[in-house]
Amino acid sequence: MSLNKIASAGNSILTSLLRPFAGAFANAAGYRRLGLRYDDLLIEETDVVQEAIRRLPEEEQLARAYRFRRAFQLSLQHTELPKSEWTKPEEDIRYLTPFIEQVQREVDERKAFDAMVIRRK
């Protein structure tokens, strides 16, 4: 068995063991009670994340801004949304992470090209 297959099998076992805890952690974190998604919690102060947010479709940017405003208002009032309005696990998708990964790949590629040394024969 190759090393990649062993690593892949180990990852799938670990994933299956930790999946129940991940759902419990997400519920305990409380962000879903405010109507937020996981990617709303990512730190925005990096250039990569700011560029990823800029690349989001306009409707997703507006939905994100609305979720933030509503969560901020709820926080000021020391309340939560009614349970029927909490973010459901199936709605808690990674909408920003694919953009962050794409931007990070571009940054890494740019750094690799900038560090490239051309030698004449």
Protein backbone atom coordinates (compact mmCIF):
# COMPACT_ATOMS: atom_id res chain seq x y z
CA MET A 1 0.00 0.00 0.00
CA SER A 2 1.41 3.40 -0.95
CA LEU A 3 2.00 6.19 1.54
CA ASN A 4 -0.75 8.31 -0.07
CA LYS A 5 -3.32 5.55 0.36
CA ILE A 6 -2.33 5.07 4.00
CA ALA A 7 -2.58 8.82 4.66
CA SER A 8 -5.93 8.97 2.88
CA ALA A 9 -7.30 6.05 4.91
CA GLY A 10 -6.05 7.67 8.12
CA ASN A 11 -7.71 10.97 7.22
CA SER A 12 -11.04 9.33 6.44
CA ILE A 13 -11.01 7.43 9.74
CA LEU A 14 -10.13 10.59 11.66
CA THR A 15 -12.80 12.54 9.81
CA SER A 16 -15.47 9.95 10.59
CA LEU A 17 -14.48 9.96 14.25
CA LEU A 18 -14.50 13.75 14.61
CA ARG A 19 -17.59 14.57 12.52
CA PRO A 20 -20.09 14.16 15.41
CA PHE A 21 -17.98 16.44 17.58
CA ALA A 22 -17.74 19.06 14.83
CA GLY A 23 -21.52 19.45 14.73
CA ALA A 24 -21.70 19.71 18.50
CA PHE A 25 -18.91 22.30 18.51
CA ALA A 26 -20.65 24.40 15.86
CA ASN A 27 -23.84 24.37 17.91
CA ALA A 28 -21.97 25.24 21.11
CA ALA A 29 -20.10 28.10 19.43
CA GLY A 30 -23.41 29.97 19.13
CA TYR A 31 -22.82 31.73 15.83
CA ARG A 32 -25.71 29.86 14.21
CA ARG A 33 -28.07 31.28 16.85
CA LEU A 34 -27.27 34.73 15.51
CA GLY A 35 -27.87 33.70 11.90
CA LEU A 36 -24.18 33.65 10.95
CA ARG A 37 -22.26 31.11 8.90
CA TYR A 38 -18.84 29.66 9.72
CA ASP A 39 -17.05 31.69 7.05
CA ASP A 40 -18.50 34.88 8.59
CA LEU A 41 -16.16 34.27 11.54
CA LEU A 42 -12.94 34.34 9.50
CA ILE A 43 -10.54 37.19 10.23
CA GLU A 44 -10.81 39.83 7.51
CA GLU A 45 -7.63 41.79 8.21
CA THR A 46 -5.45 39.87 5.75
CA ASP A 47 -5.02 40.93 2.14
CA VAL A 48 -5.96 37.44 0.96
CA VAL A 49 -9.31 37.41 2.77
CA GLN A 50 -10.11 40.98 1.73
CA GLU A 51 -9.48 40.08 -1.90
CA ALA A 52 -11.62 36.94 -1.53
CA ILE A 53 -14.49 39.02 -0.10
CA ARG A 54 -14.13 41.46 -2.99
CA ARG A 55 -14.50 38.55 -5.44
CA LEU A 56 -17.73 37.29 -3.90
CA PRO A 57 -20.83 37.72 -6.05
CA GLU A 58 -22.70 40.91 -5.15
CA GLU A 59 -25.73 39.07 -3.74
CA GLU A 60 -23.46 37.07 -1.42
CA GLN A 61 -21.73 40.26 -0.28
CA LEU A 62 -25.12 41.80 0.51
CA ALA A 63 -26.27 38.68 2.37
CA ARG A 64 -23.03 38.71 4.37
CA ALA A 65 -23.48 42.37 5.31
CA TYR A 66 -27.08 41.69 6.36
CA ARG A 67 -26.01 38.74 8.55
CA PHE A 68 -23.39 40.93 10.24
CA ARG A 69 -25.81 43.78 10.90
CA ARG A 70 -28.47 41.47 12.26
CA ALA A 71 -25.97 39.64 14.49
CA PHE A 72 -24.59 42.95 15.78
CA GLN A 73 -28.10 44.19 16.60
CA LEU A 74 -28.89 40.92 18.41
CA SER A 75 -25.64 41.22 20.33
CA LEU A 76 -26.51 44.76 21.43
CA GLN A 77 -29.91 43.54 22.60
CA HIS A 78 -28.40 40.47 24.33
CA THR A 79 -30.83 38.22 22.48
CA GLU A 80 -30.81 35.45 19.91
CA LEU A 81 -32.91 34.73 16.88
CA PRO A 82 -35.97 32.53 17.31
CA LYS A 83 -34.93 28.90 16.86
CA SER A 84 -36.77 28.73 13.53
CA GLU A 85 -34.41 31.41 12.15
CA TRP A 86 -31.11 29.91 13.34
CA THR A 87 -28.67 28.94 10.61
CA LYS A 88 -29.31 25.29 9.86
CA PRO A 89 -26.32 22.95 9.40
CA GLU A 90 -27.17 22.42 5.72
CA GLU A 91 -27.18 26.23 5.21
CA ASP A 92 -23.82 26.64 6.97
CA ILE A 93 -21.75 26.21 3.81
CA ARG A 94 -18.23 27.45 3.14
CA TYR A 95 -19.05 30.24 0.72
CA LEU A 96 -15.83 32.25 1.23
CA THR A 97 -13.23 29.50 1.69
CA PRO A 98 -13.03 28.53 -2.03
CA PHE A 99 -12.28 32.17 -2.90
CA ILE A 100 -9.65 32.39 -0.15
CA GLU A 101 -7.97 29.23 -1.41
CA GLN A 102 -7.98 30.55 -4.99
CA VAL A 103 -6.47 33.89 -3.95
CA GLN A 104 -3.86 32.13 -1.79
CA ARG A 105 -2.83 29.92 -4.75
CA GLU A 106 -2.44 33.04 -6.89
CA VAL A 107 -0.33 34.75 -4.22
CA ASP A 108 1.86 31.65 -3.85
CA GLU A 109 2.28 31.41 -7.62
CA ARG A 110 3.20 35.10 -7.83
CA LYS A 111 5.81 34.63 -5.09
CA ALA A 112 7.24 31.62 -6.91
CA PHE A 113 7.57 33.62 -10.14
CA ASP A 114 9.08 36.59 -8.30
CA ALA A 115 11.68 34.31 -6.71
CA MET A 116 12.51 32.59 -10.00
CA VAL A 117 16.11 32.93 -11.12
CA ILE A 118 16.82 32.89 -14.84
CA ARG A 119 20.23 31.59 -15.83
CA ARG A 120 21.76 32.03 -19.24
CA LYS A 121 23.65 29.15 -20.77
